[in-house]
PDB file of N, CA and C in Angstrom:
ATOM      1  N   UNK A   1      64.806  24.312 142.650  1.00  0.00           N
ATOM      2  CA  UNK A   1      65.142  23.914 141.322  1.00  0.00           C
ATOM      3  C   UNK A   1      65.268  25.062 140.333  1.00  0.00           C
ATOM      4  N   UNK A   2      64.878  26.261 140.725  1.00  0.00           N
ATOM      5  CA  UNK A   2      64.948  27.488 139.981  1.00  0.00           C
ATOM      6  C   UNK A   2      65.982  28.425 140.661  1.00  0.00           C
ATOM      7  N   UNK A   3      66.784  29.085 139.855  1.00  0.00           N
ATOM      8  CA  UNK A   3      67.792  30.033 140.377  1.00  0.00           C
ATOM      9  C   UNK A   3      67.295  31.422 140.115  1.00  0.00           C
ATOM     10  N   UNK A   4      67.964  32.405 140.674  1.00  0.00           N
ATOM     11  CA  UNK A   4      67.591  33.860 140.447  1.00  0.00           C
ATOM     12  C   UNK A   4      67.556  34.151 138.993  1.00  0.00           C
ATOM     13  N   UNK A   5      66.449  34.873 138.662  1.00  0.00           N
ATOM     14  CA  UNK A   5      66.339  35.242 137.190  1.00  0.00           C
ATOM     15  C   UNK A   5      65.605  34.151 136.369  1.00  0.00           C
ATOM     16  N   UNK A   6      65.401  32.997 136.937  1.00  0.00           N
ATOM     17  CA  UNK A   6      64.717  31.954 136.198  1.00  0.00           C
ATOM     18  C   UNK A   6      63.186  32.237 136.015  1.00  0.00           C
ATOM     19  N   UNK A   7      62.671  31.725 134.980  1.00  0.00           N
ATOM     20  CA  UNK A   7      61.239  31.796 134.726  1.00  0.00           C
ATOM     21  C   UNK A   7      60.680  30.418 134.512  1.00  0.00           C
ATOM     22  N   UNK A   8      59.441  30.206 134.897  1.00  0.00           N
ATOM     23  CA  UNK A   8      58.816  28.885 134.717  1.00  0.00           C
ATOM     24  C   UNK A   8      57.294  29.018 134.562  1.00  0.00           C
ATOM     25  N   UNK A   9      56.720  28.054 133.892  1.00  0.00           N
ATOM     26  CA  UNK A   9      55.273  28.046 133.800  1.00  0.00           C
ATOM     27  C   UNK A   9      54.845  26.772 134.662  1.00  0.00           C
ATOM     28  N   UNK A  10      53.929  27.019 135.604  1.00  0.00           N
ATOM     29  CA  UNK A  10      53.498  25.987 136.442  1.00  0.00           C
ATOM     30  C   UNK A  10      52.018  25.545 136.008  1.00  0.00           C
ATOM     31  N   UNK A  11      51.784  24.342 135.669  1.00  0.00           N
ATOM     32  CA  UNK A  11      50.469  23.908 135.268  1.00  0.00           C
ATOM     33  C   UNK A  11      49.965  23.017 136.341  1.00  0.00           C
ATOM     34  N   UNK A  12      48.895  23.425 136.986  1.00  0.00           N
ATOM     35  CA  UNK A  12      48.325  22.624 138.080  1.00  0.00           C
ATOM     36  C   UNK A  12      46.990  22.033 137.591  1.00  0.00           C
ATOM     37  N   UNK A  13      46.969  20.707 137.482  1.00  0.00           N
ATOM     38  CA  UNK A  13      45.667  20.030 137.046  1.00  0.00           C
ATOM     39  C   UNK A  13      44.608  20.183 138.140  1.00  0.00           C
ATOM     40  N   UNK A  14      43.322  20.063 137.750  1.00  0.00           N
ATOM     41  CA  UNK A  14      42.254  20.232 138.681  1.00  0.00           C
ATOM     42  C   UNK A  14      42.356  19.396 139.954  1.00  0.00           C
ATOM     43  N   UNK A  15      42.846  18.182 139.915  1.00  0.00           N
ATOM     44  CA  UNK A  15      42.860  17.322 141.022  1.00  0.00           C
ATOM     45  C   UNK A  15      43.906  17.760 142.033  1.00  0.00           C
ATOM     46  N   UNK A  16      44.845  18.605 141.685  1.00  0.00           N
ATOM     47  CA  UNK A  16      45.848  19.148 142.577  1.00  0.00           C
ATOM     48  C   UNK A  16      45.504  20.582 142.987  1.00  0.00           C
ATOM     49  N   UNK A  17      44.543  21.174 142.296  1.00  0.00           N
ATOM     50  CA  UNK A  17      44.093  22.543 142.570  1.00  0.00           C
ATOM     51  C   UNK A  17      42.829  22.563 143.415  1.00  0.00           C
ATOM     52  N   UNK A  18      41.726  23.149 142.856  1.00  0.00           N
ATOM     53  CA  UNK A  18      40.511  23.259 143.563  1.00  0.00           C
ATOM     54  C   UNK A  18      39.561  22.128 143.304  1.00  0.00           C
ATOM     55  N   UNK A  19      39.842  21.198 142.381  1.00  0.00           N
ATOM     56  CA  UNK A  19      38.989  20.029 142.091  1.00  0.00           C
ATOM     57  C   UNK A  19      37.712  20.461 141.510  1.00  0.00           C
ATOM     58  N   UNK A  20      36.605  19.850 142.003  1.00  0.00           N
ATOM     59  CA  UNK A  20      35.266  20.135 141.425  1.00  0.00           C
ATOM     60  C   UNK A  20      34.580  21.220 142.204  1.00  0.00           C
ATOM     61  N   UNK A  21      35.355  22.104 142.919  1.00  0.00           N
ATOM     62  CA  UNK A  21      34.772  23.217 143.600  1.00  0.00           C
ATOM     63  C   UNK A  21      35.053  24.534 143.003  1.00  0.00           C
ATOM     64  N   UNK A  22      34.117  25.307 142.722  1.00  0.00           N
ATOM     65  CA  UNK A  22      34.353  26.670 142.133  1.00  0.00           C
ATOM     66  C   UNK A  22      34.783  27.603 143.240  1.00  0.00           C
ATOM     67  N   UNK A  23      35.788  28.430 143.054  1.00  0.00           N
ATOM     68  CA  UNK A  23      36.286  29.390 144.020  1.00  0.00           C
ATOM     69  C   UNK A  23      36.404  30.749 143.376  1.00  0.00           C
ATOM     70  N   UNK A  24      35.545  31.689 143.854  1.00  0.00           N
ATOM     71  CA  UNK A  24      35.485  32.993 143.306  1.00  0.00           C
ATOM     72  C   UNK A  24      35.221  32.941 141.780  1.00  0.00           C
ATOM     73  N   UNK A  25      36.075  33.487 141.032  1.00  0.00           N
ATOM     74  CA  UNK A  25      35.885  33.525 139.539  1.00  0.00           C
ATOM     75  C   UNK A  25      36.426  32.276 138.839  1.00  0.00           C
ATOM     76  N   UNK A  26      37.034  31.405 139.631  1.00  0.00           N
ATOM     77  CA  UNK A  26      37.678  30.203 139.069  1.00  0.00           C
ATOM     78  C   UNK A  26      36.596  29.058 139.012  1.00  0.00           C
ATOM     79  N   UNK A  27      36.291  28.636 137.822  1.00  0.00           N
ATOM     80  CA  UNK A  27      35.278  27.569 137.727  1.00  0.00           C
ATOM     81  C   UNK A  27      35.775  26.214 138.205  1.00  0.00           C
ATOM     82  N   UNK A  28      34.859  25.382 138.638  1.00  0.00           N
ATOM     83  CA  UNK A  28      35.220  24.020 139.049  1.00  0.00           C
ATOM     84  C   UNK A  28      35.932  23.254 137.936  1.00  0.00           C
ATOM     85  N   UNK A  29      36.835  22.392 138.286  1.00  0.00           N
ATOM     86  CA  UNK A  29      37.645  21.603 137.411  1.00  0.00           C
ATOM     87  C   UNK A  29      38.520  22.322 136.435  1.00  0.00           C
ATOM     88  N   UNK A  30      39.011  23.462 136.939  1.00  0.00           N
ATOM     89  CA  UNK A  30      39.858  24.342 136.132  1.00  0.00           C
ATOM     90  C   UNK A  30      41.312  23.890 136.271  1.00  0.00           C
ATOM     91  N   UNK A  31      42.045  23.905 135.154  1.00  0.00           N
ATOM     92  CA  UNK A  31      43.513  23.770 135.152  1.00  0.00           C
ATOM     93  C   UNK A  31      44.073  25.130 135.461  1.00  0.00           C
ATOM     94  N   UNK A  32      44.954  25.241 136.493  1.00  0.00           N
ATOM     95  CA  UNK A  32      45.518  26.527 136.827  1.00  0.00           C
ATOM     96  C   UNK A  32      46.882  26.640 136.137  1.00  0.00           C
ATOM     97  N   UNK A  33      47.198  27.810 135.602  1.00  0.00           N
ATOM     98  CA  UNK A  33      48.454  28.044 134.914  1.00  0.00           C
ATOM     99  C   UNK A  33      49.041  29.354 135.488  1.00  0.00           C
ATOM    100  N   UNK A  34      50.224  29.209 136.054  1.00  0.00           N
ATOM    101  CA  UNK A  34      50.882  30.312 136.632  1.00  0.00           C
ATOM    102  C   UNK A  34      52.234  30.509 135.855  1.00  0.00           C
ATOM    103  N   UNK A  35      52.556  31.731 135.600  1.00  0.00           N
ATOM    104  CA  UNK A  35      53.874  32.119 135.097  1.00  0.00           C
ATOM    105  C   UNK A  35      54.609  32.772 136.185  1.00  0.00           C
ATOM    106  N   UNK A  36      55.738  32.256 136.602  1.00  0.00           N
ATOM    107  CA  UNK A  36      56.500  32.821 137.749  1.00  0.00           C
ATOM    108  C   UNK A  36      57.894  33.120 137.317  1.00  0.00           C
ATOM    109  N   UNK A  37      58.480  34.115 138.094  1.00  0.00           N
ATOM    110  CA  UNK A  37      59.872  34.451 137.893  1.00  0.00           C
ATOM    111  C   UNK A  37      60.509  34.587 139.236  1.00  0.00           C
ATOM    112  N   UNK A  38      61.703  34.011 139.430  1.00  0.00           N
ATOM    113  CA  UNK A  38      62.415  34.090 140.669  1.00  0.00           C
ATOM    114  C   UNK A  38      63.151  35.437 140.702  1.00  0.00           C
ATOM    115  N   UNK A  39      62.785  36.378 141.532  1.00  0.00           N
ATOM    116  CA  UNK A  39      63.393  37.679 141.526  1.00  0.00           C
ATOM    117  C   UNK A  39      64.661  37.692 142.445  1.00  0.00           C
ATOM    118  N   UNK A  40      64.494  37.056 143.623  1.00  0.00           N
ATOM    119  CA  UNK A  40      65.614  37.074 144.582  1.00  0.00           C
ATOM    120  C   UNK A  40      65.552  35.839 145.415  1.00  0.00           C
ATOM    121  N   UNK A  41      66.759  35.285 145.662  1.00  0.00           N
ATOM    122  CA  UNK A  41      66.893  34.071 146.539  1.00  0.00           C
ATOM    123  C   UNK A  41      67.648  34.450 147.777  1.00  0.00           C
ATOM    124  N   UNK A  42      67.022  34.186 148.932  1.00  0.00           N
ATOM    125  CA  UNK A  42      67.824  34.453 150.152  1.00  0.00           C
ATOM    126  C   UNK A  42      67.967  33.184 150.969  1.00  0.00           C
ATOM    127  N   UNK A  43      69.035  33.021 151.615  1.00  0.00           N
ATOM    128  CA  UNK A  43      69.305  31.869 152.420  1.00  0.00           C
ATOM    129  C   UNK A  43      68.662  32.073 153.779  1.00  0.00           C
ATOM    130  N   UNK A  44      68.076  30.965 154.292  1.00  0.00           N
ATOM    131  CA  UNK A  44      67.437  30.996 155.599  1.00  0.00           C
ATOM    132  C   UNK A  44      68.482  30.634 156.699  1.00  0.00           C
ATOM    133  N   UNK A  45      69.702  30.409 156.319  1.00  0.00           N
ATOM    134  CA  UNK A  45      70.647  29.971 157.292  1.00  0.00           C
ATOM    135  C   UNK A  45      71.663  31.070 157.570  1.00  0.00           C
TER     136      UNK A  45
END
């Protein structure tokens, strides 16, 4: 859904992330927020 050069913010609610388990420095029931940028798209075909 994203093309080269696109940027997006991905918001992952706790039930799709780590849930009620703490992982390293990430507390339990945390909402994960990722800022991503598509740098290059290569075809697998």
